[in-house]
Protein backbone atom coordinates (compact mmCIF):
# COMPACT_ATOMS: atom_id res chain seq x y z
CA MET A 1 112.25 85.27 78.68
CA ILE A 2 111.15 87.06 75.50
CA GLY A 3 108.82 84.15 74.70
CA LEU A 4 107.12 84.50 78.07
CA MET A 5 106.84 88.27 77.65
CA TYR A 6 105.41 87.88 74.14
CA SER A 7 102.88 85.28 75.35
CA THR A 8 101.83 87.47 78.27
CA LEU A 9 101.35 90.47 75.97
CA VAL A 10 99.31 88.39 73.51
CA ILE A 11 97.09 87.13 76.33
CA LEU A 12 96.55 90.67 77.68
CA HIS A 13 95.87 91.98 74.17
CA ILE A 14 93.33 89.26 73.43
CA LEU A 15 91.61 89.61 76.82
CA ALA A 16 91.26 93.36 76.32
CA ALA A 17 89.85 92.89 72.81
CA VAL A 18 87.44 90.17 73.94
CA SER A 19 86.24 92.31 76.86
CA TRP A 20 85.59 95.32 74.66
CA ILE A 21 84.07 93.54 71.68
CA GLY A 22 82.14 91.02 73.76
CA GLY A 23 80.51 93.86 75.65
CA MET A 24 79.69 95.62 72.40
CA ILE A 25 78.03 92.47 71.08
CA PHE A 26 76.03 92.02 74.28
CA LEU A 27 74.83 95.63 74.39
CA SER A 28 74.06 95.84 70.66
CA LEU A 29 72.62 92.41 69.96
CA VAL A 30 71.10 91.39 73.30
CA LEU A 31 70.28 94.31 75.57
CA ALA A 32 69.34 96.98 73.01
CA PRO A 33 66.79 94.75 71.21
CA LEU A 34 65.33 93.76 74.58
CA VAL A 35 64.81 97.42 75.41
CA ARG A 36 63.28 98.11 71.98
CA ASP A 37 60.94 95.11 72.32
CA ARG A 38 59.61 96.54 75.57
CA LYS A 39 58.67 99.76 73.78
CA ALA A 40 61.34 101.61 75.76
CA ALA A 41 59.59 101.29 79.11
CA PRO A 42 61.39 103.61 81.54
CA GLU A 43 62.75 100.79 83.70
CA PHE A 44 64.25 99.04 80.66
CA MET A 45 65.76 102.26 79.38
CA ALA A 46 67.26 102.81 82.84
CA LEU A 47 68.64 99.25 82.79
CA PHE A 48 70.23 99.80 79.38
CA ARG A 49 71.69 103.16 80.38
CA SER A 50 73.03 101.72 83.62
CA ALA A 51 74.61 98.73 81.83
CA ALA A 52 76.19 100.99 79.22
CA LEU A 53 77.62 103.30 81.87
CA ARG A 54 79.04 100.35 83.83
CA PHE A 55 80.60 99.03 80.64
CA ARG A 56 82.29 102.34 79.79
CA PRO A 57 85.23 101.99 82.24
CA ILE A 58 85.83 98.48 80.93
CA VAL A 59 86.06 99.92 77.42
CA TRP A 60 88.55 102.58 78.46
CA VAL A 61 90.73 100.11 80.37
CA ALA A 62 90.60 97.71 77.42
CA MET A 63 91.59 100.52 75.07
CA ALA A 64 94.53 101.45 77.28
CA VAL A 65 95.71 97.82 77.42
CA LEU A 66 95.36 97.45 73.64
CA LEU A 67 97.24 100.70 72.99
CA MET A 68 100.06 99.62 75.29
CA THR A 69 100.38 96.00 74.21
CA GLY A 70 99.87 96.52 70.47
CA PRO A 71 103.07 98.47 69.77
CA MET A 72 105.07 96.17 72.07
CA LEU A 73 103.79 93.11 70.20
CA LEU A 74 104.66 94.68 66.85
CA SER A 75 108.13 95.50 68.10
CA LEU A 76 108.67 91.95 69.36
CA ARG A 77 107.61 90.70 65.92
CA GLY A 78 110.33 92.82 64.32
CA VAL A 79 108.19 95.71 63.10
CA ALA A 80 109.96 99.04 63.52
CA VAL A 81 107.21 100.86 65.41
CA ALA A 82 108.92 104.24 65.00
CA THR A 83 109.10 103.85 61.19
CA PRO A 84 105.54 103.70 59.81
CA SER A 85 106.80 103.67 56.21
CA SER A 86 108.27 100.22 56.87
CA TRP A 87 105.08 98.71 58.30
CA PRO A 88 103.46 95.86 56.41
CA ARG A 89 100.22 96.84 54.68
CA ILE A 90 98.14 94.64 57.02
CA VAL A 91 99.46 96.62 60.02
CA MET A 92 98.40 99.86 58.33
CA VAL A 93 94.91 98.46 57.68
CA LYS A 94 94.54 97.31 61.28
CA LEU A 95 95.77 100.61 62.72
CA THR A 96 93.44 102.56 60.42
CA LEU A 97 90.47 100.52 61.63
CA VAL A 98 91.59 100.83 65.26
CA THR A 99 91.97 104.61 64.89
CA LEU A 100 88.47 104.85 63.40
CA LEU A 101 87.08 102.68 66.20
CA LEU A 102 88.78 104.82 68.86
CA PHE A 103 87.40 107.99 67.25
CA LEU A 104 83.86 106.58 67.14
CA THR A 105 84.13 105.45 70.77
CA LEU A 106 85.29 108.92 71.84
CA LEU A 107 82.47 110.50 69.81
CA HIS A 108 79.93 108.16 71.38
CA ASP A 109 81.12 108.50 74.98
CA LEU A 110 82.13 112.16 75.13
CA VAL A 111 79.79 113.85 72.65
CA LEU A 112 76.69 111.78 71.90
CA GLY A 113 76.28 110.25 75.36
CA PRO A 114 75.86 113.58 77.17
CA GLN A 115 73.60 114.85 74.38
CA VAL A 116 71.39 111.77 74.55
CA SER A 117 71.09 112.18 78.31
CA ARG A 118 69.99 115.78 77.84
CA VAL A 119 67.58 115.00 74.99
CA SER A 120 66.07 112.04 76.87
CA ALA A 121 64.56 114.47 79.35
CA ILE A 122 62.61 116.17 76.54
CA PRO A 123 59.28 114.61 75.50
CA VAL A 124 59.53 113.08 72.01
CA SER A 125 56.85 115.40 70.62
CA GLN A 126 58.85 118.46 71.72
CA ARG A 127 62.25 117.45 70.33
CA THR A 128 63.76 119.52 67.55
CA ALA A 129 65.01 117.95 64.32
CA SER A 130 68.62 118.16 65.52
CA GLU A 131 67.69 116.47 68.80
CA GLN A 132 66.05 113.66 66.84
CA VAL A 133 69.23 113.32 64.76
CA VAL A 134 71.21 112.92 68.00
CA PHE A 135 68.98 110.00 68.99
CA LYS A 136 69.18 108.34 65.57
CA THR A 137 72.95 108.74 65.45
CA ALA A 138 73.27 107.32 68.96
CA ARG A 139 71.38 104.23 67.76
CA TRP A 140 73.46 103.44 64.66
CA LEU A 141 76.91 104.56 65.83
CA PRO A 142 77.43 101.60 68.22
CA ARG A 143 76.38 99.21 65.45
CA LEU A 144 78.90 100.77 63.08
CA SER A 145 81.53 100.53 65.81
CA LEU A 146 80.72 96.86 66.26
CA VAL A 147 81.14 96.18 62.54
CA ILE A 148 84.50 97.96 62.58
CA ALA A 149 85.55 96.05 65.72
CA LEU A 150 84.71 92.76 63.98
CA ALA A 151 86.75 93.91 60.98
CA VAL A 152 89.66 94.59 63.36
CA ILE A 153 89.41 90.98 64.55
CA VAL A 154 89.51 89.69 60.97
CA VAL A 155 92.52 91.87 60.14
CA ALA A 156 94.24 90.94 63.42
CA THR A 157 93.80 87.28 62.56
CA MET A 158 95.36 87.91 59.15
CA LEU A 159 98.23 89.77 60.82
CA ALA A 160 98.82 86.96 63.31
CA ARG A 161 98.97 84.46 60.46
CA SER A 162 101.47 86.52 58.44
């Protein structure tokens, strides 16, 4: 019974990670360059914005699944979840990266997203320096998040092999 539970949790954990990171790869490496290549024509910007907004609930569900299954998987592997001082170093590295990724996702969705929507309504020539910083940050933050997410996969693979 524990073997079936462990396998089910692993499958759910991997599906959640694949959904989140796969979407990040698609948005960052496929859709965003397409929009940039079209010189940000309004219909392409609307397509990108719409795709990103539709992806957001998937991200939040994936995060919830990962945050629920992760500790259960550690516990089933014999890691005392309530005693961080006993955690293997690789677990600490993974959780540090996951925490950073969660923070960046919250920053992107709850802070930058609304600001970008507001700034988008302002003609480029009339934007203040801080409004331009919002746009630049909104462009590189998802890329940084993707790099961290890929690092989480590498560390997770190392953890699974330990």
